[in-house]
C-alpha atoms as a PDB file:
ATOM      1  CA  MET A   1     -10.162   5.870  15.247  1.00  0.00           C
ATOM      2  CA  GLY A   2      -8.377   4.016  12.458  1.00  0.00           C
ATOM      3  CA  LEU A   3      -5.021   4.483  10.774  1.00  0.00           C
ATOM      4  CA  ILE A   4      -4.061   6.416   7.650  1.00  0.00           C
ATOM      5  CA  GLN A   5      -1.217   4.431   6.080  1.00  0.00           C
ATOM      6  CA  ILE A   6       0.825   5.881   3.208  1.00  0.00           C
ATOM      7  CA  GLU A   7       2.351   3.288   0.878  1.00  0.00           C
ATOM      8  CA  LEU A   8       5.118   4.673  -1.360  1.00  0.00           C
ATOM      9  CA  PHE A   9       7.636   3.247  -3.800  1.00  0.00           C
ATOM     10  CA  ALA A  10      10.673   5.487  -4.223  1.00  0.00           C
ATOM     11  CA  THR A  11      14.164   5.541  -5.673  1.00  0.00           C
ATOM     12  CA  LEU A  12      17.286   6.198  -3.613  1.00  0.00           C
ATOM     13  CA  ASP A  13      16.946   9.905  -4.429  1.00  0.00           C
ATOM     14  CA  LEU A  14      13.274   9.626  -3.336  1.00  0.00           C
ATOM     15  CA  VAL A  15      11.643   9.988  -6.738  1.00  0.00           C
ATOM     16  CA  GLY A  16       8.177   8.494  -6.424  1.00  0.00           C
ATOM     17  CA  GLN A  17       6.792   9.260  -9.867  1.00  0.00           C
ATOM     18  CA  ALA A  18       5.306   6.556 -12.112  1.00  0.00           C
ATOM     19  CA  PRO A  19       6.898   3.393 -10.716  1.00  0.00           C
ATOM     20  CA  GLY A  20       4.392   1.098 -12.405  1.00  0.00           C
ATOM     21  CA  GLY A  21       4.584   1.853 -16.113  1.00  0.00           C
ATOM     22  CA  PRO A  22       5.445   4.329 -18.872  1.00  0.00           C
ATOM     23  CA  ASP A  23       1.868   5.617 -19.188  1.00  0.00           C
ATOM     24  CA  GLU A  24       1.322   6.187 -15.483  1.00  0.00           C
ATOM     25  CA  ASP A  25       2.532   9.804 -15.320  1.00  0.00           C
ATOM     26  CA  PRO A  26       4.554  10.469 -18.473  1.00  0.00           C
ATOM     27  CA  GLU A  27       4.636  14.277 -18.559  1.00  0.00           C
ATOM     28  CA  GLY A  28       8.304  15.256 -18.687  1.00  0.00           C
ATOM     29  CA  PHE A  29       9.363  11.961 -17.109  1.00  0.00           C
ATOM     30  CA  PRO A  30      11.295   9.384 -19.178  1.00  0.00           C
ATOM     31  CA  TYR A  31      11.553   6.617 -16.554  1.00  0.00           C
ATOM     32  CA  GLY A  32       7.972   5.438 -16.109  1.00  0.00           C
ATOM     33  CA  GLY A  33       7.983   1.831 -14.950  1.00  0.00           C
ATOM     34  CA  TRP A  34      11.323   2.029 -13.153  1.00  0.00           C
ATOM     35  CA  GLN A  35      10.141  -0.348 -10.427  1.00  0.00           C
ATOM     36  CA  ALA A  36       9.302  -3.283 -12.729  1.00  0.00           C
ATOM     37  CA  PRO A  37      12.897  -4.570 -13.236  1.00  0.00           C
ATOM     38  CA  LEU A  38      13.417  -4.591  -9.462  1.00  0.00           C
ATOM     39  CA  LEU A  39      10.387  -6.681  -8.492  1.00  0.00           C
ATOM     40  CA  ASN A  40      10.630 -10.354  -7.647  1.00  0.00           C
ATOM     41  CA  GLU A  41       8.499 -12.945  -5.871  1.00  0.00           C
ATOM     42  CA  VAL A  42       9.877 -12.079  -2.434  1.00  0.00           C
ATOM     43  CA  THR A  43       9.266  -8.350  -2.840  1.00  0.00           C
ATOM     44  CA  GLY A  44       5.827  -9.029  -4.278  1.00  0.00           C
ATOM     45  CA  ALA A  45       4.924 -11.120  -1.237  1.00  0.00           C
ATOM     46  CA  GLN A  46       6.152  -8.358   1.081  1.00  0.00           C
ATOM     47  CA  ILE A  47       4.047  -5.767  -0.723  1.00  0.00           C
ATOM     48  CA  LEU A  48       0.995  -8.023  -0.560  1.00  0.00           C
ATOM     49  CA  ALA A  49       1.528  -8.534   3.180  1.00  0.00           C
ATOM     50  CA  ALA A  50       1.654  -4.756   3.665  1.00  0.00           C
ATOM     51  CA  TYR A  51      -1.964  -4.534   2.476  1.00  0.00           C
ATOM     52  CA  GLU A  52      -3.216  -6.992   5.079  1.00  0.00           C
ATOM     53  CA  GLY A  53      -6.192  -5.544   6.957  1.00  0.00           C
ATOM     54  CA  THR A  54      -6.762  -2.674   4.506  1.00  0.00           C
ATOM     55  CA  ASP A  55     -10.452  -1.748   4.498  1.00  0.00           C
ATOM     56  CA  ALA A  56     -10.421   1.474   2.433  1.00  0.00           C
ATOM     57  CA  LEU A  57      -8.324   3.277  -0.177  1.00  0.00           C
ATOM     58  CA  LEU A  58      -7.585   7.005  -0.158  1.00  0.00           C
ATOM     59  CA  LEU A  59      -6.481   8.181  -3.596  1.00  0.00           C
ATOM     60  CA  GLY A  60      -5.621  11.334  -5.500  1.00  0.00           C
ATOM     61  CA  ARG A  61      -7.498  11.981  -8.730  1.00  0.00           C
ATOM     62  CA  ARG A  62      -4.687  10.943 -11.102  1.00  0.00           C
ATOM     63  CA  THR A  63      -4.039   7.657  -9.304  1.00  0.00           C
ATOM     64  CA  TYR A  64      -7.766   6.989  -9.083  1.00  0.00           C
ATOM     65  CA  ASP A  65      -8.206   7.417 -12.842  1.00  0.00           C
ATOM     66  CA  LEU A  66      -5.302   5.058 -13.478  1.00  0.00           C
ATOM     67  CA  PHE A  67      -6.625   2.429 -11.082  1.00  0.00           C
ATOM     68  CA  ALA A  68     -10.227   2.786 -12.296  1.00  0.00           C
ATOM     69  CA  SER A  69      -9.135   2.071 -15.852  1.00  0.00           C
ATOM     70  CA  TYR A  70      -7.384  -1.147 -14.837  1.00  0.00           C
ATOM     71  CA  TRP A  71      -8.518  -2.861 -11.651  1.00  0.00           C
ATOM     72  CA  PRO A  72     -12.258  -3.299 -12.375  1.00  0.00           C
ATOM     73  CA  GLN A  73     -11.280  -5.527 -15.313  1.00  0.00           C
ATOM     74  CA  GLN A  74      -9.055  -7.700 -13.102  1.00  0.00           C
ATOM     75  CA  LYS A  75     -10.979 -10.528 -11.479  1.00  0.00           C
ATOM     76  CA  GLU A  76      -8.173 -12.675 -10.059  1.00  0.00           C
ATOM     77  CA  GLY A  77      -5.520 -12.055  -7.445  1.00  0.00           C
ATOM     78  CA  GLU A  78      -5.635 -10.786  -3.872  1.00  0.00           C
ATOM     79  CA  ILE A  79      -4.841  -7.164  -4.744  1.00  0.00           C
ATOM     80  CA  ALA A  80      -7.545  -7.067  -7.437  1.00  0.00           C
ATOM     81  CA  GLU A  81     -10.086  -8.560  -5.042  1.00  0.00           C
ATOM     82  CA  LEU A  82      -9.119  -6.083  -2.321  1.00  0.00           C
ATOM     83  CA  PHE A  83      -9.097  -2.986  -4.505  1.00  0.00           C
ATOM     84  CA  ASN A  84     -12.434  -3.830  -6.104  1.00  0.00           C
ATOM     85  CA  ARG A  85     -14.092  -4.703  -2.785  1.00  0.00           C
ATOM     86  CA  VAL A  86     -13.136  -1.882  -0.419  1.00  0.00           C
ATOM     87  CA  PRO A  87     -14.474   1.698  -0.490  1.00  0.00           C
ATOM     88  CA  LYS A  88     -12.435   4.186  -2.501  1.00  0.00           C
ATOM     89  CA  TYR A  89     -12.212   7.841  -1.345  1.00  0.00           C
ATOM     90  CA  VAL A  90     -10.979  10.333  -3.934  1.00  0.00           C
ATOM     91  CA  ALA A  91      -9.399  13.752  -3.363  1.00  0.00           C
ATOM     92  CA  SER A  92      -9.944  16.146  -6.260  1.00  0.00           C
ATOM     93  CA  ARG A  93     -10.297  19.873  -6.799  1.00  0.00           C
ATOM     94  CA  GLY A  94     -12.945  19.210  -9.459  1.00  0.00           C
ATOM     95  CA  THR A  95     -16.111  17.139  -9.650  1.00  0.00           C
ATOM     96  CA  PRO A  96     -15.043  14.123 -11.713  1.00  0.00           C
ATOM     97  CA  ASP A  97     -17.146  11.110 -12.586  1.00  0.00           C
ATOM     98  CA  LEU A  98     -16.198   8.173 -10.393  1.00  0.00           C
ATOM     99  CA  PRO A  99     -17.208   5.038 -12.315  1.00  0.00           C
ATOM    100  CA  TRP A 100     -15.414   2.492 -10.119  1.00  0.00           C
ATOM    101  CA  ALA A 101     -17.893   0.794  -7.784  1.00  0.00           C
ATOM    102  CA  GLY A 102     -17.589   1.945  -4.195  1.00  0.00           C
ATOM    103  CA  SER A 103     -16.031   5.331  -4.993  1.00  0.00           C
ATOM    104  CA  THR A 104     -16.778   8.540  -3.081  1.00  0.00           C
ATOM    105  CA  LEU A 105     -15.556  12.073  -3.799  1.00  0.00           C
ATOM    106  CA  LEU A 106     -14.186  13.866  -0.752  1.00  0.00           C
ATOM    107  CA  GLY A 107     -15.463  17.360  -0.020  1.00  0.00           C
ATOM    108  CA  PRO A 108     -13.516  20.623  -0.301  1.00  0.00           C
ATOM    109  CA  ASP A 109     -12.461  20.460   3.361  1.00  0.00           C
ATOM    110  CA  LEU A 110      -9.856  17.781   2.686  1.00  0.00           C
ATOM    111  CA  ALA A 111      -8.468  17.661   6.226  1.00  0.00           C
ATOM    112  CA  GLY A 112     -11.922  17.230   7.730  1.00  0.00           C
ATOM    113  CA  ALA A 113     -12.883  14.647   5.106  1.00  0.00           C
ATOM    114  CA  VAL A 114      -9.726  12.594   5.727  1.00  0.00           C
ATOM    115  CA  ARG A 115     -10.347  12.627   9.476  1.00  0.00           C
ATOM    116  CA  ALA A 116     -13.903  11.426   8.857  1.00  0.00           C
ATOM    117  CA  VAL A 117     -12.594   8.572   6.698  1.00  0.00           C
ATOM    118  CA  ARG A 118     -10.119   7.621   9.422  1.00  0.00           C
ATOM    119  CA  ASP A 119     -12.954   7.551  11.960  1.00  0.00           C
ATOM    120  CA  ARG A 120     -14.988   5.302   9.667  1.00  0.00           C
ATOM    121  CA  HIS A 121     -12.352   2.642   8.931  1.00  0.00           C
ATOM    122  CA  ARG A 122      -9.581   0.724  10.678  1.00  0.00           C
ATOM    123  CA  ASN A 123      -6.833   0.692   8.024  1.00  0.00           C
ATOM    124  CA  VAL A 124      -6.980   3.273   5.244  1.00  0.00           C
ATOM    125  CA  LYS A 125      -4.271   2.856   2.621  1.00  0.00           C
ATOM    126  CA  VAL A 126      -2.936   5.752   0.532  1.00  0.00           C
ATOM    127  CA  VAL A 127      -1.337   4.394  -2.649  1.00  0.00           C
ATOM    128  CA  GLY A 128       0.752   6.527  -5.029  1.00  0.00           C
ATOM    129  CA  SER A 129      -1.063   9.892  -5.206  1.00  0.00           C
ATOM    130  CA  LEU A 130       2.019  12.066  -4.611  1.00  0.00           C
ATOM    131  CA  ASN A 131       0.144  15.383  -4.575  1.00  0.00           C
ATOM    132  CA  LEU A 132      -2.285  14.050  -1.979  1.00  0.00           C
ATOM    133  CA  VAL A 133       0.567  12.492  -0.006  1.00  0.00           C
ATOM    134  CA  GLN A 134       2.380  15.806   0.182  1.00  0.00           C
ATOM    135  CA  THR A 135      -0.766  17.420   1.590  1.00  0.00           C
ATOM    136  CA  LEU A 136      -1.114  14.661   4.177  1.00  0.00           C
ATOM    137  CA  LEU A 137       2.555  15.044   5.145  1.00  0.00           C
ATOM    138  CA  ARG A 138       2.241  18.798   5.436  1.00  0.00           C
ATOM    139  CA  GLU A 139      -0.876  18.524   7.615  1.00  0.00           C
ATOM    140  CA  LYS A 140       0.469  15.493   9.517  1.00  0.00           C
ATOM    141  CA  LEU A 141      -2.689  13.653   8.517  1.00  0.00           C
ATOM    142  CA  PHE A 142      -1.160  10.204   8.511  1.00  0.00           C
ATOM    143  CA  ASP A 143      -0.270   7.579  11.070  1.00  0.00           C
ATOM    144  CA  ARG A 144       2.155   5.325   9.192  1.00  0.00           C
ATOM    145  CA  LEU A 145       4.518   5.754   6.292  1.00  0.00           C
ATOM    146  CA  ASP A 146       5.650   2.627   4.456  1.00  0.00           C
ATOM    147  CA  LEU A 147       8.556   3.508   2.195  1.00  0.00           C
ATOM    148  CA  TRP A 148      10.042   1.051  -0.297  1.00  0.00           C
ATOM    149  CA  VAL A 149      13.441   2.444  -1.292  1.00  0.00           C
ATOM    150  CA  HIS A 150      14.871   0.983  -4.511  1.00  0.00           C
ATOM    151  CA  PRO A 151      18.593   0.920  -5.391  1.00  0.00           C
ATOM    152  CA  ILE A 152      18.519   3.317  -8.341  1.00  0.00           C
ATOM    153  CA  VAL A 153      19.022   7.069  -8.744  1.00  0.00           C
ATOM    154  CA  LEU A 154      17.066   8.877 -11.468  1.00  0.00           C
ATOM    155  CA  GLY A 155      17.873  12.529 -10.881  1.00  0.00           C
ATOM    156  CA  VAL A 156      14.538  13.678 -12.331  1.00  0.00           C
ATOM    157  CA  GLY A 157      10.897  13.242 -11.409  1.00  0.00           C
ATOM    158  CA  LYS A 158       8.461  14.122  -8.654  1.00  0.00           C
ATOM    159  CA  LYS A 159       9.890  13.457  -5.222  1.00  0.00           C
ATOM    160  CA  VAL A 160       8.119  12.153  -2.167  1.00  0.00           C
ATOM    161  CA  PHE A 161       8.908  15.188  -0.003  1.00  0.00           C
ATOM    162  CA  ASP A 162       9.120  17.933  -2.649  1.00  0.00           C
ATOM    163  CA  ASP A 163       6.527  20.416  -1.384  1.00  0.00           C
ATOM    164  CA  GLY A 164       4.780  18.521   1.377  1.00  0.00           C
ATOM    165  CA  ALA A 165       7.356  18.301   4.111  1.00  0.00           C
ATOM    166  CA  VAL A 166       7.276  20.042   7.473  1.00  0.00           C
ATOM    167  CA  PRO A 167       9.540  19.263  10.448  1.00  0.00           C
ATOM    168  CA  THR A 168       8.252  15.910  11.688  1.00  0.00           C
ATOM    169  CA  ASN A 169       9.412  13.137  13.990  1.00  0.00           C
ATOM    170  CA  LEU A 170       8.950   9.529  12.913  1.00  0.00           C
ATOM    171  CA  THR A 171       9.457   6.234  14.737  1.00  0.00           C
ATOM    172  CA  LEU A 172      10.763   3.093  13.050  1.00  0.00           C
ATOM    173  CA  LEU A 173       8.075   0.494  13.797  1.00  0.00           C
ATOM    174  CA  GLU A 174      10.019  -2.613  12.837  1.00  0.00           C
ATOM    175  CA  PRO A 175      13.520  -3.491  11.597  1.00  0.00           C
ATOM    176  CA  PRO A 176      14.190  -2.629   7.939  1.00  0.00           C
ATOM    177  CA  VAL A 177      13.857  -5.491   5.483  1.00  0.00           C
ATOM    178  CA  ALA A 178      16.212  -5.661   2.479  1.00  0.00           C
ATOM    179  CA  GLY A 179      15.518  -7.733  -0.607  1.00  0.00           C
ATOM    180  CA  ALA A 180      18.119  -9.609  -2.627  1.00  0.00           C
ATOM    181  CA  GLN A 181      18.202  -6.869  -5.272  1.00  0.00           C
ATOM    182  CA  GLY A 182      18.710  -4.117  -2.705  1.00  0.00           C
ATOM    183  CA  THR A 183      15.184  -2.797  -2.182  1.00  0.00           C
ATOM    184  CA  VAL A 184      14.718  -1.755   1.457  1.00  0.00           C
ATOM    185  CA  TYR A 185      11.340  -1.697   3.176  1.00  0.00           C
ATOM    186  CA  LEU A 186      10.997   0.924   5.929  1.00  0.00           C
ATOM    187  CA  ARG A 187       7.877   1.245   8.070  1.00  0.00           C
ATOM    188  CA  TYR A 188       7.556   4.419  10.132  1.00  0.00           C
ATOM    189  CA  GLY A 189       4.944   5.776  12.496  1.00  0.00           C
ATOM    190  CA  LEU A 190       4.174   9.435  13.120  1.00  0.00           C
ATOM    191  CA  ALA A 191       5.684  10.578  16.423  1.00  0.00           C
ATOM    192  CA  GLU A 192       5.022  13.610  18.577  1.00  0.00           C
ATOM    193  CA  GLY A 193       6.997  16.819  18.450  1.00  0.00           C
ATOM    194  CA  THR A 194       9.432  18.192  15.905  1.00  0.00           C
ATOM    195  CA  PRO A 195      13.118  17.406  15.262  1.00  0.00           C
ATOM    196  CA  ARG A 196      15.585  18.759  17.805  1.00  0.00           C
ATOM    197  CA  THR A 197      19.011  20.214  17.161  1.00  0.00           C
ATOM    198  CA  GLY A 198      22.278  19.961  19.051  1.00  0.00           C
ATOM    199  CA  ASP A 199      25.941  20.843  18.889  1.00  0.00           C
ATOM    200  CA  MET A 200      28.463  18.122  18.075  1.00  0.00           C
ATOM    201  CA  SER A 201      31.288  20.182  19.653  1.00  0.00           C
ATOM    202  CA  LEU A 202      29.769  19.810  23.144  1.00  0.00           C
ATOM    203  CA  PRO A 203      30.336  16.717  25.333  1.00  0.00           C
ATOM    204  CA  ASP A 204      26.629  15.926  25.478  1.00  0.00           C
ATOM    205  CA  ARG A 205      26.007  17.295  21.958  1.00  0.00           C
ATOM    206  CA  GLY A 206      23.989  20.044  23.613  1.00  0.00           C
ATOM    207  CA  LEU A 207      21.095  17.700  24.217  1.00  0.00           C
ATOM    208  CA  GLY A 208      21.235  17.224  27.957  1.00  0.00           C
ATOM    209  CA  HIS A 209      20.746  13.858  29.588  1.00  0.00           C
ATOM    210  CA  ASP A 210      17.008  13.280  29.578  1.00  0.00           C
ATOM    211  CA  ASP A 211      15.780  10.048  27.999  1.00  0.00           C
ATOM    212  CA  ASP A 212      14.334  11.800  24.943  1.00  0.00           C
ATOM    213  CA  ALA A 213      17.766  13.195  24.056  1.00  0.00           C
ATOM    214  CA  ARG A 214      19.610   9.886  23.940  1.00  0.00           C
END
């Protein structure tokens, strides 16, 4: 079984909408392209490294349409080569045309289709696709969550965890990495169980002394 890896760019208030450009998802959102001023060579190299080993893309319909209109025309660069080479799996409620070579429409049983994709590949990357991401979060159909948190607050826009969050434990897989401009890269893995609660007024915070409570 492979890994479903979610790759997300977000602001400090966890807005994930349209980081790449003003035409990406403009409906009611005036800050399309907010990520561009915060990118530099170091961050770009870190993002490229995060795609190492990717052998399939899992995309929502809106992100697919955006990518399909751009990447097939790009012939140079490691990301262009990767995106054009690997299979693309598309989640959609409709039956859209999928003109990008290597594209497959997932069936109506999204959970079953995603599990089948995970069984078929080693490293499946979910890019953008906030509606799909929220479904994967809600169903816990992911293995890793890579979150790039940028040092700006927008106050408006679609958020990463708006409607797709359920109580979930995560494990930090490696130390956070901060760029010179303040962007922080966080890589989490899905962990078992759900968050616990305690009581700060008690000597042991109400957690007991077992290893899991420390």
